[in-house]
Structures are given as C-alpha cells and as structure tokens.
Protein backbone atom coordinates (compact mmCIF):
# COMPACT_ATOMS: atom_id res chain seq x y z
CA UNK A 1 -2.15 -0.27 -71.33
CA UNK A 2 -2.39 3.64 -70.63
CA UNK A 3 0.02 4.89 -67.67
CA UNK A 4 -2.95 6.03 -65.59
CA UNK A 5 -4.65 2.53 -65.52
CA UNK A 6 -1.24 0.64 -64.66
CA UNK A 7 -0.78 3.07 -61.87
CA UNK A 8 -4.39 2.59 -60.71
CA UNK A 9 -4.13 -1.18 -60.89
CA UNK A 10 -0.91 -1.04 -58.85
CA UNK A 11 -2.26 0.93 -56.34
CA UNK A 12 -5.10 -1.72 -55.69
CA UNK A 13 -2.80 -4.44 -55.74
CA UNK A 14 -0.85 -2.84 -52.89
CA UNK A 15 -3.91 -2.13 -51.00
CA UNK A 16 -4.84 -5.55 -51.25
CA UNK A 17 -1.90 -6.59 -49.30
CA UNK A 18 -2.43 -4.30 -46.32
CA UNK A 19 -3.98 -5.79 -43.21
CA UNK A 20 -7.69 -5.53 -43.27
CA UNK A 21 -9.74 -4.53 -40.42
CA UNK A 22 -12.90 -6.27 -39.83
CA UNK A 23 -15.83 -5.83 -37.79
CA UNK A 24 -17.96 -8.78 -36.55
CA UNK A 25 -21.47 -8.61 -35.10
CA UNK A 26 -21.76 -10.33 -31.54
CA UNK A 27 -25.49 -11.18 -30.99
CA UNK A 28 -27.36 -11.42 -27.66
CA UNK A 29 -30.70 -11.74 -26.56
CA UNK A 30 -33.70 -10.25 -28.28
CA UNK A 31 -33.96 -7.30 -25.81
CA UNK A 32 -30.57 -6.30 -26.06
CA UNK A 33 -29.06 -3.95 -28.79
CA UNK A 34 -26.69 -5.46 -31.44
CA UNK A 35 -22.80 -4.79 -30.54
CA UNK A 36 -19.89 -4.63 -32.89
CA UNK A 37 -16.31 -5.40 -31.86
CA UNK A 38 -13.21 -4.52 -33.96
CA UNK A 39 -11.07 -7.57 -35.06
CA UNK A 40 -7.42 -6.77 -36.38
CA UNK A 41 -5.32 -9.17 -38.10
CA UNK A 42 -2.17 -10.50 -36.36
CA UNK A 43 0.92 -8.62 -36.76
CA UNK A 44 3.52 -10.01 -39.04
CA UNK A 45 6.07 -12.30 -37.33
CA UNK A 46 9.05 -10.24 -38.11
CA UNK A 47 7.28 -7.37 -36.68
CA UNK A 48 6.40 -9.27 -33.35
CA UNK A 49 10.06 -10.54 -33.13
CA UNK A 50 11.35 -6.88 -33.31
CA UNK A 51 8.81 -5.42 -30.79
CA UNK A 52 10.04 -8.24 -28.31
CA UNK A 53 13.72 -7.62 -28.99
CA UNK A 54 13.20 -4.10 -28.49
CA UNK A 55 11.66 -4.58 -24.94
CA UNK A 56 14.24 -7.28 -23.99
CA UNK A 57 16.95 -4.74 -24.88
CA UNK A 58 15.12 -1.82 -22.83
CA UNK A 59 14.94 -4.17 -19.95
CA UNK A 60 18.67 -5.01 -19.93
CA UNK A 61 19.58 -1.55 -20.39
CA UNK A 62 17.61 -0.16 -17.28
CA UNK A 63 18.41 -2.69 -14.66
CA UNK A 64 20.54 -5.68 -16.37
CA UNK A 65 17.33 -7.49 -16.24
CA UNK A 66 16.63 -7.15 -12.41
CA UNK A 67 13.87 -4.75 -11.49
CA UNK A 68 13.43 -1.45 -13.23
CA UNK A 69 16.90 -0.10 -12.77
CA UNK A 70 15.74 3.59 -11.87
CA UNK A 71 17.81 3.14 -8.59
CA UNK A 72 20.81 1.65 -10.29
CA UNK A 73 23.24 4.87 -11.07
CA UNK A 74 27.32 4.90 -11.88
CA UNK A 75 29.49 7.50 -10.70
CA UNK A 76 31.63 9.75 -13.08
CA UNK A 77 34.18 7.81 -14.86
CA UNK A 78 37.52 7.76 -12.79
CA UNK A 79 35.76 9.22 -9.84
CA UNK A 80 36.97 8.37 -6.55
CA UNK A 81 34.50 7.76 -3.27
CA UNK A 82 34.63 10.62 -0.79
CA UNK A 83 34.55 8.13 1.72
CA UNK A 84 33.10 4.92 2.71
CA UNK A 85 29.91 4.75 4.81
CA UNK A 86 30.54 1.82 7.29
CA UNK A 87 27.20 -0.11 8.71
CA UNK A 88 27.26 -2.76 11.17
CA UNK A 89 24.21 -4.73 12.23
CA UNK A 90 25.12 -5.54 15.74
CA UNK A 91 22.02 -7.22 17.29
CA UNK A 92 18.17 -7.30 17.37
CA UNK A 93 16.01 -7.67 20.46
CA UNK A 94 12.56 -8.96 21.38
CA UNK A 95 11.77 -10.04 17.58
CA UNK A 96 8.47 -11.61 16.55
CA UNK A 97 8.37 -15.63 17.23
CA UNK A 98 7.61 -17.13 13.76
CA UNK A 99 8.25 -20.93 14.51
CA UNK A 100 6.30 -23.33 16.27
CA UNK A 101 9.18 -23.65 18.69
CA UNK A 102 8.38 -20.10 19.97
CA UNK A 103 11.58 -18.47 18.46
CA UNK A 104 12.86 -17.38 15.00
CA UNK A 105 15.84 -18.05 12.72
CA UNK A 106 16.63 -14.10 12.27
CA UNK A 107 18.84 -12.40 9.67
CA UNK A 108 19.23 -8.87 8.40
CA UNK A 109 19.63 -7.50 5.13
CA UNK A 110 21.05 -4.00 4.33
CA UNK A 111 20.88 -1.51 1.06
CA UNK A 112 21.66 1.86 0.16
CA UNK A 113 20.60 3.19 -3.08
CA UNK A 114 22.13 3.79 -5.78
CA UNK A 115 24.53 0.99 -4.55
CA UNK A 116 23.39 -2.13 -6.21
CA UNK A 117 24.60 -4.55 -3.77
CA UNK A 118 22.05 -6.07 -0.87
CA UNK A 119 24.25 -7.15 1.85
CA UNK A 120 23.12 -10.15 4.08
CA UNK A 121 24.22 -11.20 7.97
CA UNK A 122 24.42 -14.49 8.94
CA UNK A 123 21.45 -16.34 10.31
CA UNK A 124 21.16 -16.80 14.10
CA UNK A 125 19.17 -19.76 14.90
CA UNK A 126 16.57 -20.47 17.30
CA UNK A 127 16.70 -16.69 19.14
CA UNK A 128 14.51 -13.72 19.49
CA UNK A 129 17.53 -11.70 20.53
CA UNK A 130 20.18 -12.24 17.96
CA UNK A 131 23.99 -10.86 18.09
CA UNK A 132 25.46 -10.98 14.95
CA UNK A 133 29.12 -11.27 14.43
CA UNK A 134 30.97 -8.19 13.63
CA UNK A 135 33.02 -9.52 10.87
CA UNK A 136 30.30 -10.90 8.77
CA UNK A 137 27.57 -8.01 9.63
CA UNK A 138 29.70 -4.96 9.00
CA UNK A 139 29.45 -3.60 5.28
CA UNK A 140 31.10 -0.78 3.39
CA UNK A 141 29.13 1.63 0.91
CA UNK A 142 31.23 3.94 -1.45
CA UNK A 143 29.99 7.84 -1.32
CA UNK A 144 30.55 9.31 -4.27
CA UNK A 145 29.80 13.46 -4.49
CA UNK A 146 28.38 12.87 -8.06
CA UNK A 147 25.56 10.63 -6.65
CA UNK A 148 24.80 12.85 -3.56
CA UNK A 149 21.37 13.91 -4.89
CA UNK A 150 20.51 10.07 -5.57
CA UNK A 151 21.37 8.90 -2.14
CA UNK A 152 18.44 6.96 -0.98
CA UNK A 153 17.20 5.70 2.48
CA UNK A 154 19.55 3.43 4.34
CA UNK A 155 17.32 0.16 4.69
CA UNK A 156 17.88 -2.51 7.15
CA UNK A 157 15.15 -5.32 6.89
CA UNK A 158 15.00 -8.22 9.48
CA UNK A 159 13.60 -11.57 8.42
CA UNK A 160 13.02 -15.32 9.77
CA UNK A 161 14.58 -18.02 7.66
CA UNK A 162 12.82 -21.17 7.51
CA UNK A 163 14.45 -24.28 6.81
CA UNK A 164 13.04 -27.33 5.81
CA UNK A 165 13.63 -31.16 5.77
CA UNK A 166 14.73 -33.74 7.93
CA UNK A 167 18.26 -32.35 8.42
CA UNK A 168 17.09 -28.80 8.53
CA UNK A 169 19.00 -27.86 5.29
CA UNK A 170 18.52 -25.10 3.08
CA UNK A 171 15.77 -22.52 2.93
CA UNK A 172 12.17 -22.63 1.94
CA UNK A 173 11.15 -19.42 2.33
CA UNK A 174 11.86 -15.94 4.45
CA UNK A 175 9.34 -14.39 6.48
CA UNK A 176 9.31 -10.80 7.32
CA UNK A 177 9.66 -9.69 10.77
CA UNK A 178 10.12 -5.72 10.39
CA UNK A 179 12.57 -3.01 9.28
CA UNK A 180 13.87 0.46 9.72
CA UNK A 181 14.73 3.31 7.24
CA UNK A 182 17.17 6.01 7.94
CA UNK A 183 17.71 9.15 5.73
CA UNK A 184 20.79 10.92 5.11
CA UNK A 185 19.75 13.65 7.57
CA UNK A 186 19.39 11.07 10.41
CA UNK A 187 22.46 9.18 10.04
CA UNK A 188 24.27 10.75 13.08
CA UNK A 189 21.28 12.29 14.60
CA UNK A 190 19.67 9.29 16.07
CA UNK A 191 20.98 9.31 19.77
CA UNK A 192 19.81 8.69 23.13
CA UNK A 193 17.85 11.71 24.77
CA UNK A 194 20.36 14.05 26.45
CA UNK A 195 23.35 12.78 24.49
CA UNK A 196 25.40 14.86 21.79
CA UNK A 197 25.55 14.07 18.17
CA UNK A 198 27.49 10.86 17.42
CA UNK A 199 30.85 11.34 15.75
CA UNK A 200 31.35 11.04 12.08
CA UNK A 201 34.06 8.93 11.86
CA UNK A 202 33.74 4.96 12.58
CA UNK A 203 37.19 4.96 14.78
CA UNK A 204 36.27 8.07 16.74
CA UNK A 205 35.69 7.68 20.34
CA UNK A 206 31.87 9.52 20.06
CA UNK A 207 30.95 7.20 17.49
CA UNK A 208 28.51 4.70 19.38
CA UNK A 209 25.88 1.93 18.59
CA UNK A 210 22.13 3.11 18.73
CA UNK A 211 18.79 1.30 18.64
CA UNK A 212 15.80 1.65 16.62
CA UNK A 213 12.30 0.12 16.93
CA UNK A 214 11.20 -2.22 13.89
CA UNK A 215 8.35 -0.69 11.94
CA UNK A 216 6.20 -2.76 9.62
CA UNK A 217 5.13 -1.96 5.95
CA UNK A 218 3.02 -5.12 5.49
CA UNK A 219 -0.49 -5.37 6.42
CA UNK A 220 -0.19 -8.99 7.55
CA UNK A 221 2.77 -8.25 10.10
CA UNK A 222 2.70 -6.49 13.39
CA UNK A 223 6.57 -5.83 13.72
CA UNK A 224 8.15 -5.72 17.29
CA UNK A 225 11.37 -5.32 19.01
CA UNK A 226 14.55 -3.16 18.07
CA UNK A 227 17.58 -3.45 15.87
CA UNK A 228 20.90 -2.26 16.76
CA UNK A 229 23.12 -0.41 14.58
CA UNK A 230 26.62 1.50 14.37
CA UNK A 231 27.14 3.69 11.46
CA UNK A 232 30.29 5.92 10.50
CA UNK A 233 32.48 7.12 7.98
CA UNK A 234 35.98 5.58 7.31
CA UNK A 235 38.58 6.75 4.53
CA UNK A 236 38.37 5.49 1.06
CA UNK A 237 41.67 3.63 -0.09
CA UNK A 238 41.46 5.62 -3.45
CA UNK A 239 40.38 8.80 -1.91
CA UNK A 240 43.53 8.37 0.30
CA UNK A 241 45.74 7.71 -2.39
CA UNK A 242 44.60 10.60 -4.15
CA UNK A 243 45.69 13.01 -1.45
CA UNK A 244 49.11 11.06 -0.74
CA UNK A 245 49.99 11.66 -4.63
CA UNK A 246 48.66 15.21 -4.45
CA UNK A 247 51.06 16.00 -1.20
CA UNK A 248 53.89 14.24 -2.69
CA UNK A 249 53.80 15.96 -5.85
CA UNK A 250 53.46 19.40 -4.15
CA UNK A 251 56.43 18.67 -1.86
CA UNK A 252 58.62 17.76 -4.83
CA UNK A 253 57.65 20.97 -6.59
CA UNK A 254 58.42 23.18 -3.40
CA UNK A 255 61.88 21.44 -3.01
CA UNK A 256 62.63 22.03 -6.67
CA UNK A 257 61.78 25.85 -6.48
CA UNK A 258 64.18 25.92 -3.53
CA UNK A 259 67.03 24.47 -5.71
CA UNK A 260 67.48 21.48 -3.19
CA UNK A 261 67.01 17.64 -3.81
CA UNK A 262 63.66 16.40 -4.35
CA UNK A 263 61.81 13.64 -2.50
CA UNK A 264 61.86 11.51 -5.30
CA UNK A 265 65.59 11.23 -5.13
CA UNK A 266 65.19 9.96 -1.44
CA UNK A 267 62.89 7.36 0.21
CA UNK A 268 59.37 8.15 -0.93
CA UNK A 269 57.19 9.63 1.80
CA UNK A 270 53.56 9.19 2.09
CA UNK A 271 52.27 11.53 4.74
CA UNK A 272 49.33 10.60 6.86
CA UNK A 273 46.17 12.53 5.24
CA UNK A 274 42.92 12.72 7.39
CA UNK A 275 39.85 12.96 5.70
CA UNK A 276 37.24 15.75 7.18
CA UNK A 277 34.33 13.63 7.54
CA UNK A 278 32.24 16.98 8.66
CA UNK A 279 33.09 18.59 5.34
CA UNK A 280 32.23 15.38 3.52
CA UNK A 281 28.86 14.79 5.21
CA UNK A 282 28.18 18.64 4.77
CA UNK A 283 28.50 18.42 0.98
CA UNK A 284 26.13 15.48 1.07
CA UNK A 285 23.57 17.14 2.83
CA UNK A 286 23.92 20.31 0.63
CA UNK A 287 23.54 18.14 -2.58
CA UNK A 288 21.08 15.54 -1.33
CA UNK A 289 17.43 15.86 -2.30
CA UNK A 290 14.51 14.24 -0.11
CA UNK A 291 13.76 10.79 -0.74
CA UNK A 292 10.61 9.55 -2.53
CA UNK A 293 10.93 6.11 -0.99
CA UNK A 294 8.02 5.21 1.29
CA UNK A 295 10.16 3.95 4.24
CA UNK A 296 8.91 3.82 7.87
CA UNK A 297 10.67 6.73 9.85
CA UNK A 298 13.41 5.90 12.54
CA UNK A 299 11.78 5.29 15.87
CA UNK A 300 13.40 5.91 19.11
C-alpha cells in the first residue's frame, strides 16, 4: 500500500474516534417553522472527573470550602500585629419581639474582615433589653499593617435564637433583628453630641461606651432598638515582646560601648514600652481604602 494511501486511512480512523456533533430536527405545528437544536455527545469520564477535581481544588484554595474566600487574607510571614482591636457588645435596648410571649432570646455576632472568625455572645433569654456578660462578649481582633488596605467594616448583627422541644433545648433557627456596620474612619468618632472624641486605648479614661441604632438590610424586617458597644486598642503581646527585646538589645550595646558590664550579666530588665495608638490608628487610616461592602451606616 502506498505511503500516501496509508496516511489517509490513518487520518480517517482518527477522525472516526472524535466526538460527533449531531443536529436533530424538532417539529412543531404545521404553522411553525422547523427548528434545529445542536446535540453534543457526553464528555469522556476522565475529562469530567478532572474538571470536577479542578473545581474542588479551586474552592479549597479560595476559602477552605467555606464561601468564596475573597475576604480571607493572611498577614506577612512572621509579622506581628500592631495592636489588638478589642470590641465589647455591652447591651441592646428595645429590640423586636419575635416570640409569642412578647419577647426575644437575643444574641449578637461580630466580625471584622479579613479576620476569618465570627464571634458570638451568649444568648439572653426572654428579654428585649439584654445585657451581655463582659467576659463572654469581649473579643480581640489582631490588626496587621500589611492588611490595612483590606480592613472591612466592623459588623455587629443581632439575632433571636429559637428553641424547640419540650425542654426548650437546642436551636431550630435564628431570626434576624438588625445590624450595625462601623467603618474604620468611624471607630472612634461616634459619640454623643458635644462630647470629645473617644480615647483610642481600651484602658484609657476617655474610652467610653456608645450606642448605635440598629438598621436592617432585609426587606422583611423593620429593625428597631439599639446596641451598646465599646471599642479600643490594646497592646498585642508579640508586639510588646518585640519592643522589649529591641530596648534590651539597645541597652546592652550601649553598655558595651561604654566599657561597663552589660545588662545580660545582671538580672534581665524588661522596660515598660507603650504603643502609641494614635500613631497606629493614623497608619491604618493612611493605608486603608473605602469598603465595598454594602453595610448600613451607623446611626446615632
């Protein structure tokens, strides 16, 4: 058989193994024109398996299988937080009554992207004016300089927890009561009329609680009432330790240059180092960008 004829036959055999796209005629009434619809063969099993595996790997890399992962960001390797943002959900007043008894069983969740954790307060049963225990309703969010341009809105959402069963044990569902969103620029500016700006440090005398009216982002809920919060910076343990090591090393070098015994030959000293929270906050404001998340603005 001539080489050219063999090549043609091999090409025809290869073409015969390719998926064939067929077209079928769909007939309707005699008054309607004839329509044609393309019909393709089912992809090979191996190709389908690879495609699904690719989707699964993509979801895992984006957000560990939970959501899109677009708000989940990590700081630089070895980076210490500038400070911790401490947030306390103190209380709520005049909430919606969602239960038949005229009350609700409210609790609040709080989040600050890109921090992946969503914290939750304990549930206060049968009340429209809950007061949450400070120990279980105060949460710390580490603040990293490398993520300053990704800081989202501090979001507090209030829910009613529904209990089912004879013993009223367990949660059947949660019902939305309202929320507040506080942007970075408003963390310390929200205050009563005529008052000065709140202090940035959590333990400073001028750092006080404040109230915000709950808003609703859901058409089937008209939120009412308010939530009382406290926000402030505290020193991050790693950040403090970094400054302590730096101060100790500087003191040791200075002592060696002067020809006297270094502090390592004596009892180690760890001087108190205070973090300038105004400087930290200024850096965050300088590097931040407006949030694209649609959160209701804080209302006084």
